[in-house]
N, C-alpha and C. Protein backbone atom coordinates (compact mmCIF):
# COMPACT_ATOMS: atom_id res chain seq x y z
N MET A 1 41.39 53.69 8.75
CA MET A 1 40.65 54.77 8.81
C MET A 1 39.06 54.72 8.96
N ALA A 2 38.94 53.92 7.55
CA ALA A 2 37.47 53.93 7.55
C ALA A 2 36.98 52.29 8.38
N LEU A 3 37.85 51.85 8.91
CA LEU A 3 37.38 50.74 9.83
C LEU A 3 36.96 51.59 11.62
N ALA A 4 37.96 52.55 11.92
CA ALA A 4 38.09 52.81 12.85
C ALA A 4 36.80 54.06 13.45
N ALA A 5 36.45 54.67 12.43
CA ALA A 5 35.18 55.55 12.24
C ALA A 5 33.88 54.89 12.18
N ALA A 6 33.84 52.94 11.25
CA ALA A 6 33.15 52.35 11.69
C ALA A 6 32.47 51.52 13.35
N PHE A 7 33.95 51.57 14.11
CA PHE A 7 33.88 51.31 15.33
C PHE A 7 33.41 52.36 16.41
N LEU A 8 34.05 53.73 15.83
CA LEU A 8 33.36 54.64 16.60
C LEU A 8 31.99 54.90 16.43
N ALA A 9 31.35 54.90 15.13
CA ALA A 9 29.60 55.05 14.75
C ALA A 9 28.70 53.82 15.51
N ALA A 10 29.50 52.76 15.80
CA ALA A 10 28.67 52.10 16.54
C ALA A 10 29.14 52.01 17.86
N ALA A 11 30.12 52.10 18.61
CA ALA A 11 30.19 52.42 20.14
C ALA A 11 28.85 53.39 20.54
N CYS A 12 28.89 54.67 19.57
CA CYS A 12 28.12 56.01 19.80
C CYS A 12 26.91 55.54 19.62
N ALA A 13 26.40 54.80 19.07
CA ALA A 13 25.00 54.08 18.89
C ALA A 13 24.29 53.15 20.25
N GLU A 14 25.45 53.36 20.66
CA GLU A 14 25.03 52.76 22.25
C GLU A 14 25.16 53.24 23.49
N LEU A 15 25.70 54.11 22.85
CA LEU A 15 25.60 55.21 24.43
C LEU A 15 24.27 55.51 24.94
N GLN A 16 24.75 55.56 26.66
CA GLN A 16 23.07 56.33 27.02
C GLN A 16 22.93 57.56 26.75
N LEU A 17 22.73 58.37 26.09
CA LEU A 17 21.88 60.08 26.38
C LEU A 17 21.07 60.36 27.54
N ARG A 18 21.72 61.35 28.51
CA ARG A 18 20.75 62.10 29.47
C ARG A 18 19.91 62.73 28.74
N LEU A 19 18.27 61.92 29.40
CA LEU A 19 17.32 62.37 29.16
C LEU A 19 16.50 63.60 29.00
N PRO A 20 15.45 64.58 29.11
CA PRO A 20 15.42 65.28 29.93
C PRO A 20 13.55 64.68 30.77
N ALA A 21 13.66 65.28 31.50
CA ALA A 21 12.73 64.86 32.69
C ALA A 21 11.75 64.41 32.41
N GLU A 22 10.85 65.00 31.37
CA GLU A 22 9.96 64.59 30.80
C GLU A 22 10.11 62.95 29.93
N GLU A 23 11.30 63.31 29.47
CA GLU A 23 11.41 61.51 28.87
C GLU A 23 11.39 60.44 30.02
N LEU A 24 11.85 60.83 31.14
CA LEU A 24 12.24 60.01 32.29
C LEU A 24 11.19 59.53 32.80
N GLN A 25 9.97 60.59 32.66
CA GLN A 25 8.59 59.67 33.29
C GLN A 25 7.53 59.49 32.11
N PHE A 26 6.97 58.26 32.82
CA PHE A 26 5.84 58.04 31.32
C PHE A 26 4.51 57.29 32.40
N GLU A 27 3.61 57.01 31.77
CA GLU A 27 2.46 56.44 32.54
C GLU A 27 1.87 55.35 31.14
N LEU A 28 2.10 54.14 31.44
CA LEU A 28 1.27 53.53 30.43
C LEU A 28 0.34 52.11 31.09
N ALA A 29 -0.69 51.70 30.07
CA ALA A 29 -1.53 50.77 30.57
C ALA A 29 -1.55 49.67 29.78
N GLY A 30 -2.03 48.58 30.31
CA GLY A 30 -2.05 47.14 29.16
C GLY A 30 -2.55 46.01 29.65
N ARG A 31 -2.27 45.05 29.49
CA ARG A 31 -2.17 43.92 29.88
C ARG A 31 -1.00 43.08 29.77
N ILE A 32 -1.03 41.64 30.96
CA ILE A 32 0.40 41.55 31.43
C ILE A 32 0.07 39.95 31.53
N ALA A 33 0.92 39.10 31.33
CA ALA A 33 0.35 37.71 31.25
C ALA A 33 1.94 37.09 32.30
N VAL A 34 1.83 36.27 33.02
CA VAL A 34 3.17 35.87 33.43
C VAL A 34 3.25 33.51 33.72
N ARG A 35 3.94 33.46 33.08
CA ARG A 35 4.01 32.03 33.54
C ARG A 35 5.49 32.19 34.78
N TYR A 36 5.26 31.37 35.19
CA TYR A 36 6.45 30.45 36.63
C TYR A 36 6.36 29.48 36.95
N GLY A 37 7.40 28.37 36.63
CA GLY A 37 7.45 27.09 37.50
C GLY A 37 5.67 26.51 36.66
N ASP A 38 5.09 25.78 37.24
CA ASP A 38 4.12 25.34 36.73
C ASP A 38 2.58 26.72 36.79
N GLU A 39 2.65 27.72 37.10
CA GLU A 39 1.59 28.08 37.37
C GLU A 39 1.59 29.74 36.44
N ALA A 40 0.46 30.32 35.70
CA ALA A 40 0.53 30.86 34.90
C ALA A 40 -0.60 31.89 35.46
N SER A 41 -0.59 32.97 35.05
CA SER A 41 -1.57 33.99 35.43
C SER A 41 -1.63 35.61 34.26
N SER A 42 -3.15 36.43 34.09
CA SER A 42 -3.16 37.18 33.24
C SER A 42 -3.74 38.01 33.86
N GLY A 43 -3.95 39.31 34.00
CA GLY A 43 -4.21 40.51 34.24
C GLY A 43 -4.06 41.56 33.20
N ASN A 44 -4.21 42.78 33.93
CA ASN A 44 -4.29 44.47 33.74
C ASN A 44 -2.90 44.98 34.46
N ILE A 45 -2.12 45.70 33.68
CA ILE A 45 -1.30 46.77 34.11
C ILE A 45 -1.12 48.03 34.13
N ALA A 46 -1.20 49.14 34.64
CA ALA A 46 -1.56 50.17 34.82
C ALA A 46 -0.30 50.75 35.61
N TRP A 47 0.90 51.62 34.92
CA TRP A 47 1.81 51.65 35.45
C TRP A 47 2.32 53.33 35.39
N ARG A 48 2.59 54.23 36.34
CA ARG A 48 2.91 55.55 36.28
C ARG A 48 4.45 55.59 36.87
N HIS A 49 5.78 55.96 36.18
CA HIS A 49 7.02 55.94 36.37
C HIS A 49 7.58 57.25 36.43
N GLY A 50 8.07 57.89 37.81
CA GLY A 50 8.17 58.60 37.48
C GLY A 50 10.46 58.98 37.70
N ARG A 51 11.26 59.78 37.90
CA ARG A 51 12.59 59.58 37.80
C ARG A 51 12.57 58.73 39.30
N SER A 52 12.24 59.29 40.25
CA SER A 52 12.78 58.15 41.55
C SER A 52 11.44 57.76 42.09
N ASP A 53 10.54 57.42 41.68
CA ASP A 53 9.23 56.82 41.69
C ASP A 53 8.17 55.93 40.96
N ASP A 54 7.55 54.98 41.58
CA ASP A 54 6.97 53.93 40.42
C ASP A 54 5.54 53.84 41.09
N GLU A 55 4.45 53.84 40.35
CA GLU A 55 3.49 52.91 40.82
C GLU A 55 2.82 52.27 39.96
N VAL A 56 2.54 50.90 40.63
CA VAL A 56 2.33 49.65 39.38
C VAL A 56 0.95 49.14 39.81
N LEU A 57 -0.30 49.50 39.20
CA LEU A 57 -1.17 48.13 39.67
C LEU A 57 -1.06 47.35 38.63
N ILE A 58 -1.92 45.85 39.51
CA ILE A 58 -2.22 44.60 38.95
C ILE A 58 -3.16 44.06 39.15
N THR A 59 -4.32 44.30 38.14
CA THR A 59 -5.37 43.54 38.15
C THR A 59 -5.56 42.64 37.43
N ASN A 60 -6.71 41.64 38.04
CA ASN A 60 -7.17 40.25 37.24
C ASN A 60 -7.94 40.65 36.17
N PRO A 61 -8.83 39.76 35.29
CA PRO A 61 -9.39 40.08 34.13
C PRO A 61 -10.06 40.63 34.58
N LEU A 62 -11.07 40.63 35.75
CA LEU A 62 -12.44 41.40 35.78
C LEU A 62 -12.08 42.69 36.48
N GLY A 63 -10.99 43.11 36.96
CA GLY A 63 -10.37 44.36 37.12
C GLY A 63 -10.21 44.34 38.86
N GLN A 64 -10.38 43.45 39.36
CA GLN A 64 -9.96 43.50 40.87
C GLN A 64 -8.51 43.50 41.32
N GLY A 65 -8.17 44.10 42.02
CA GLY A 65 -6.60 44.53 42.59
C GLY A 65 -6.03 42.69 43.13
N VAL A 66 -4.77 42.79 42.59
CA VAL A 66 -4.17 41.94 42.75
C VAL A 66 -2.72 41.98 43.72
N ALA A 67 -2.08 43.22 43.10
CA ALA A 67 -1.20 44.01 43.90
C ALA A 67 -1.14 45.29 43.27
N ARG A 68 -1.14 46.31 44.28
CA ARG A 68 -0.18 47.43 44.06
C ARG A 68 1.67 47.02 44.86
N ILE A 69 1.81 47.89 43.82
CA ILE A 69 3.75 47.97 44.08
C ILE A 69 4.16 49.73 43.89
N VAL A 70 4.66 50.26 45.07
CA VAL A 70 4.79 51.61 45.07
C VAL A 70 6.47 51.48 45.43
N ARG A 71 7.12 51.96 44.39
CA ARG A 71 8.28 52.48 44.83
C ARG A 71 9.02 54.23 45.06
N ALA A 72 9.28 54.07 46.01
CA ALA A 72 9.89 55.28 46.11
C ALA A 72 11.03 55.48 47.04
N GLY A 73 12.08 55.81 46.10
CA GLY A 73 13.25 56.31 46.51
C GLY A 73 13.84 54.63 46.87
N ASP A 74 14.70 54.29 47.58
CA ASP A 74 15.41 53.18 48.06
C ASP A 74 14.13 52.14 48.36
N SER A 75 13.06 52.32 48.41
CA SER A 75 12.31 51.78 49.34
C SER A 75 10.98 51.16 48.36
N VAL A 76 10.64 49.49 48.19
CA VAL A 76 9.55 49.17 47.43
C VAL A 76 8.57 48.41 48.27
N ALA A 77 7.13 48.75 48.08
CA ALA A 77 5.88 48.36 49.54
C ALA A 77 4.88 47.33 48.06
N LEU A 78 4.43 46.55 48.82
CA LEU A 78 3.54 46.20 48.03
C LEU A 78 2.12 45.49 48.71
N THR A 79 1.30 45.93 48.20
CA THR A 79 0.00 45.92 48.97
C THR A 79 -0.99 44.98 48.04
N THR A 80 -0.88 43.90 49.02
CA THR A 80 -2.11 42.48 48.63
C THR A 80 -3.59 43.38 48.43
N PRO A 81 -4.67 42.49 48.09
CA PRO A 81 -6.12 42.96 48.07
C PRO A 81 -6.24 42.37 50.09
N ASP A 82 -5.27 42.22 50.38
CA ASP A 82 -6.32 41.98 51.90
C ASP A 82 -5.74 43.24 52.55
N GLY A 83 -5.36 44.17 52.14
CA GLY A 83 -4.17 45.23 52.94
C GLY A 83 -3.12 44.96 53.15
N ARG A 84 -2.39 44.11 52.81
CA ARG A 84 -1.11 43.76 53.88
C ARG A 84 -0.31 44.08 52.94
N GLU A 85 0.87 45.00 53.44
CA GLU A 85 2.00 45.48 52.82
C GLU A 85 3.32 44.61 53.18
N HIS A 86 4.09 44.59 52.39
CA HIS A 86 5.42 44.12 52.29
C HIS A 86 6.13 44.99 52.01
N ARG A 87 7.55 44.82 52.37
CA ARG A 87 8.59 45.73 52.13
C ARG A 87 9.77 44.97 51.52
N ALA A 88 10.74 45.70 50.75
CA ALA A 88 12.17 45.24 50.34
C ALA A 88 12.92 46.62 49.47
N PRO A 89 13.91 45.95 48.81
CA PRO A 89 14.54 47.11 48.84
C PRO A 89 14.57 47.27 47.40
N ASP A 90 13.99 46.17 46.88
CA ASP A 90 13.64 46.14 44.88
C ASP A 90 12.58 45.11 45.34
N ALA A 91 12.03 45.75 43.70
CA ALA A 91 10.76 45.10 43.17
C ALA A 91 10.83 43.48 42.64
N GLU A 92 11.84 43.11 42.28
CA GLU A 92 12.66 41.62 42.14
C GLU A 92 12.14 40.76 43.29
N THR A 93 13.07 41.68 44.25
CA THR A 93 12.96 40.75 45.23
C THR A 93 11.30 40.70 46.05
N LEU A 94 11.12 42.06 45.96
CA LEU A 94 9.46 41.47 47.00
C LEU A 94 8.70 40.41 46.09
N THR A 95 8.39 40.95 44.51
CA THR A 95 7.67 40.64 43.89
C THR A 95 7.73 38.85 43.68
N GLU A 96 8.75 38.37 44.29
CA GLU A 96 9.43 37.03 44.06
C GLU A 96 8.94 36.09 45.47
N ARG A 97 9.20 37.77 46.87
CA ARG A 97 8.35 36.55 47.78
C ARG A 97 6.91 36.55 48.01
N VAL A 98 6.54 37.46 47.16
CA VAL A 98 4.76 37.80 47.67
C VAL A 98 4.37 37.10 46.84
N LEU A 99 4.37 37.00 45.31
CA LEU A 99 3.92 36.67 44.09
C LEU A 99 4.16 35.30 43.39
N GLY A 100 5.37 35.33 43.73
CA GLY A 100 5.55 34.11 43.36
C GLY A 100 6.61 34.26 41.93
N PHE A 101 6.66 35.28 41.40
CA PHE A 101 7.23 35.96 40.18
C PHE A 101 8.24 37.15 40.24
N ARG A 102 9.32 37.10 39.58
CA ARG A 102 10.21 38.29 39.73
C ARG A 102 9.85 38.83 38.63
N LEU A 103 9.58 40.59 39.55
CA LEU A 103 8.88 41.74 38.10
C LEU A 103 10.42 42.90 38.11
N PRO A 104 10.75 42.81 36.88
CA PRO A 104 12.32 43.54 36.71
C PRO A 104 11.84 45.08 36.83
N LEU A 105 11.23 45.55 37.66
CA LEU A 105 10.76 46.82 37.87
C LEU A 105 12.10 48.11 36.98
N GLU A 106 13.37 47.95 37.33
CA GLU A 106 14.15 49.07 37.39
C GLU A 106 14.29 48.84 35.95
N GLY A 107 15.09 47.96 35.71
CA GLY A 107 15.09 47.04 34.34
C GLY A 107 13.93 47.63 33.19
N LEU A 108 12.96 47.20 33.40
CA LEU A 108 11.09 47.30 32.85
C LEU A 108 11.10 48.50 32.60
N ALA A 109 11.61 49.82 33.18
CA ALA A 109 11.23 51.55 32.77
C ALA A 109 12.23 51.63 31.66
N ASP A 110 13.48 50.65 31.60
CA ASP A 110 14.11 51.23 30.04
C ASP A 110 13.54 50.33 28.77
N TRP A 111 13.31 49.03 29.24
CA TRP A 111 13.18 48.13 28.83
C TRP A 111 11.77 48.36 27.58
N VAL A 112 10.78 48.73 28.57
CA VAL A 112 9.46 49.14 27.91
C VAL A 112 9.56 50.55 26.59
N ARG A 113 10.40 51.40 27.08
CA ARG A 113 11.00 52.25 26.17
C ARG A 113 12.11 52.25 24.91
N ALA A 114 12.00 50.81 25.07
CA ALA A 114 12.90 50.03 23.66
C ALA A 114 14.42 50.65 24.07
N ARG A 115 15.06 50.38 25.01
CA ARG A 115 15.94 50.92 25.06
C ARG A 115 17.05 50.13 26.24
N PRO A 116 18.26 49.85 26.09
CA PRO A 116 18.93 49.25 27.36
C PRO A 116 19.02 50.57 28.72
N GLY A 117 18.97 49.54 30.14
CA GLY A 117 19.16 50.22 31.04
C GLY A 117 20.74 50.20 31.40
N PRO A 118 21.22 50.96 32.66
CA PRO A 118 22.90 50.82 32.41
C PRO A 118 23.31 49.66 32.86
N GLY A 119 24.50 49.52 32.70
CA GLY A 119 25.49 48.31 32.29
C GLY A 119 25.42 47.19 31.11
N PRO A 120 25.79 46.28 31.06
CA PRO A 120 26.54 45.38 29.95
C PRO A 120 25.22 44.85 29.38
N HIS A 121 25.01 44.58 28.27
CA HIS A 121 23.73 44.39 27.23
C HIS A 121 24.28 43.89 26.49
N GLU A 122 23.47 43.20 25.43
CA GLU A 122 23.57 42.27 24.12
C GLU A 122 22.13 42.88 23.32
N ALA A 123 22.78 43.29 22.21
CA ALA A 123 21.18 43.64 21.28
C ALA A 123 21.01 43.34 20.20
N ARG A 124 20.00 42.75 19.11
CA ARG A 124 20.07 42.15 18.11
C ARG A 124 18.61 43.62 17.31
N ARG A 125 18.92 44.38 16.22
CA ARG A 125 17.97 45.29 15.89
C ARG A 125 17.46 44.66 14.29
N ASP A 126 16.54 45.68 13.99
CA ASP A 126 16.03 44.94 12.91
C ASP A 126 16.38 46.21 11.87
N SER A 127 16.37 46.34 10.67
CA SER A 127 16.95 47.06 9.38
C SER A 127 16.70 48.50 9.66
N GLY A 128 15.39 49.13 10.57
CA GLY A 128 15.11 50.21 11.05
C GLY A 128 16.06 50.98 11.80
N GLY A 129 16.89 50.17 12.68
CA GLY A 129 17.41 50.41 14.47
C GLY A 129 16.30 50.27 15.23
N ARG A 130 15.59 49.45 15.13
CA ARG A 130 14.61 49.11 16.37
C ARG A 130 15.38 47.77 16.95
N PHE A 131 15.19 47.95 17.98
CA PHE A 131 15.43 46.04 18.87
C PHE A 131 14.51 45.48 18.62
N VAL A 132 14.82 44.07 18.49
CA VAL A 132 14.22 42.94 18.16
C VAL A 132 14.28 42.02 19.36
N GLU A 133 15.62 42.31 20.17
CA GLU A 133 15.72 41.35 20.86
C GLU A 133 16.93 42.26 21.76
N LEU A 134 17.25 41.99 23.36
CA LEU A 134 17.90 42.99 24.11
C LEU A 134 18.00 41.33 25.17
N GLN A 135 19.34 41.60 25.48
CA GLN A 135 19.88 40.77 26.46
C GLN A 135 20.35 41.40 27.66
N GLN A 136 20.04 41.52 28.86
CA GLN A 136 20.43 42.15 30.62
C GLN A 136 20.06 41.68 31.66
N SER A 137 20.91 41.97 32.39
CA SER A 137 20.56 41.38 33.73
C SER A 137 20.01 40.32 33.58
N GLY A 138 20.41 39.09 32.81
CA GLY A 138 20.09 37.60 32.69
C GLY A 138 18.63 37.75 31.96
N TRP A 139 17.39 38.92 31.47
CA TRP A 139 16.75 38.84 30.79
C TRP A 139 16.62 38.68 29.51
N LYS A 140 15.99 38.38 29.08
CA LYS A 140 16.12 38.27 27.50
C LYS A 140 14.26 38.76 27.10
N ILE A 141 14.51 40.07 26.81
CA ILE A 141 13.76 40.94 25.75
C ILE A 141 13.11 40.81 24.77
N GLU A 142 12.03 40.47 24.24
CA GLU A 142 12.35 40.44 22.32
C GLU A 142 10.69 41.10 22.38
N TYR A 143 11.22 42.14 21.17
CA TYR A 143 10.02 42.93 20.66
C TYR A 143 9.38 42.46 19.57
N LEU A 144 8.09 42.12 20.22
CA LEU A 144 7.07 41.90 19.21
C LEU A 144 6.25 42.53 18.38
N GLU A 145 6.13 43.42 18.47
CA GLU A 145 5.20 44.39 18.17
C GLU A 145 5.51 46.32 18.55
N TRP A 146 5.54 46.36 17.69
CA TRP A 146 5.72 47.89 17.32
C TRP A 146 4.02 48.80 17.51
N ASP A 147 4.11 50.03 18.42
CA ASP A 147 2.60 50.85 17.91
C ASP A 147 2.53 51.50 16.18
N ALA A 148 1.79 52.08 16.29
CA ALA A 148 1.48 52.10 14.39
C ALA A 148 2.24 52.82 13.64
N ASP A 149 3.16 53.93 14.91
CA ASP A 149 3.95 54.72 14.28
C ASP A 149 5.38 54.16 14.13
N GLY A 150 5.66 53.17 14.87
CA GLY A 150 6.89 52.43 15.09
C GLY A 150 7.86 53.34 16.26
N ALA A 151 7.11 54.24 16.89
CA ALA A 151 8.18 54.41 17.85
C ALA A 151 8.22 54.11 19.23
N ARG A 152 7.57 53.46 19.65
CA ARG A 152 6.94 52.50 20.94
C ARG A 152 6.56 51.28 20.73
N PRO A 153 7.21 50.58 21.59
CA PRO A 153 6.59 48.96 21.76
C PRO A 153 5.47 49.44 21.89
N ALA A 154 4.75 48.22 21.80
CA ALA A 154 3.26 47.61 21.72
C ALA A 154 3.31 45.81 22.70
N ARG A 155 3.89 45.31 22.00
CA ARG A 155 4.30 44.05 22.67
C ARG A 155 5.57 43.55 22.94
N LEU A 156 5.68 43.13 23.79
CA LEU A 156 6.90 42.53 24.60
C LEU A 156 7.38 41.21 25.26
N LYS A 157 8.12 40.25 25.35
CA LYS A 157 8.28 39.23 25.99
C LYS A 157 9.67 38.90 26.51
N LEU A 158 9.41 39.29 27.81
CA LEU A 158 10.22 38.89 28.62
C LEU A 158 10.96 37.78 29.29
N SER A 159 11.91 36.98 29.02
CA SER A 159 12.47 35.87 29.61
C SER A 159 13.27 35.87 30.47
N TYR A 160 13.36 35.29 32.05
CA TYR A 160 14.10 34.87 32.62
C TYR A 160 13.95 33.67 33.18
N PRO A 161 15.60 32.59 33.60
CA PRO A 161 15.29 31.41 33.74
C PRO A 161 13.92 31.17 35.07
N GLY A 162 12.83 29.99 34.24
CA GLY A 162 11.86 30.45 34.82
C GLY A 162 10.33 30.73 35.19
N ILE A 163 10.68 32.10 34.03
CA ILE A 163 9.71 33.21 33.98
C ILE A 163 9.70 33.59 32.83
N GLU A 164 7.86 33.45 32.45
CA GLU A 164 8.16 34.74 30.92
C GLU A 164 7.07 35.21 31.49
N LEU A 165 7.00 36.93 31.39
CA LEU A 165 5.88 37.54 31.33
C LEU A 165 5.67 38.13 29.82
N ARG A 166 4.64 38.63 29.51
CA ARG A 166 4.36 39.41 28.23
C ARG A 166 3.84 40.46 28.60
N LEU A 167 3.67 41.54 28.22
CA LEU A 167 3.18 42.89 27.71
C LEU A 167 2.74 43.11 26.40
N ALA A 168 1.64 43.79 27.19
CA ALA A 168 0.60 44.26 25.67
C ALA A 168 0.69 45.49 26.38
N ILE A 169 1.10 46.76 25.49
CA ILE A 169 1.11 48.04 25.93
C ILE A 169 0.14 48.62 24.93
N GLY A 170 -1.32 49.21 25.36
CA GLY A 170 -2.64 49.60 24.56
C GLY A 170 -2.61 51.04 24.74
N ALA A 171 -1.99 51.83 25.58
CA ALA A 171 -1.81 53.14 25.80
C ALA A 171 -0.32 53.92 26.64
N TRP A 172 -0.08 54.64 26.13
CA TRP A 172 0.84 55.56 26.60
C TRP A 172 0.50 56.98 27.02
N LYS A 173 1.06 57.71 28.22
CA LYS A 173 1.13 59.02 28.06
C LYS A 173 2.62 59.14 28.52
């Protein structure tokens, strides 16, 4: 009986609960570093995430625009500094084609909030129950640092074959 209760408690801990709309939306700002193949670059990221839309602005360290990514429903557009607009059904395909690396926007919206997205995943947690590592959709997400109150990730490292993304989140709304 105790063993069954332990299994049930573990299963419940992994259930995805429905969150109020205000918890589905967020804004963050910080720094991003990307390594892919023999290339590496870094800059700033500002991201506004809504229930069915996203707007991500990636700038170089001097603040000049590198890419503006807008997801509205089932369509994603990426605008480059020269004003050219590129479209695709998902951000990973689009960013890989235009920028040379995959930006997992859909999964990232959950991962930056320290939770798995829908679908199978594997996770390792610390003694306080926070994620140390999460693996999902071929990505490995490492939670390197948490904010002052320990509620939100402050630094993450995401790895996918041939790609490493690092995020340092400085501000949340």
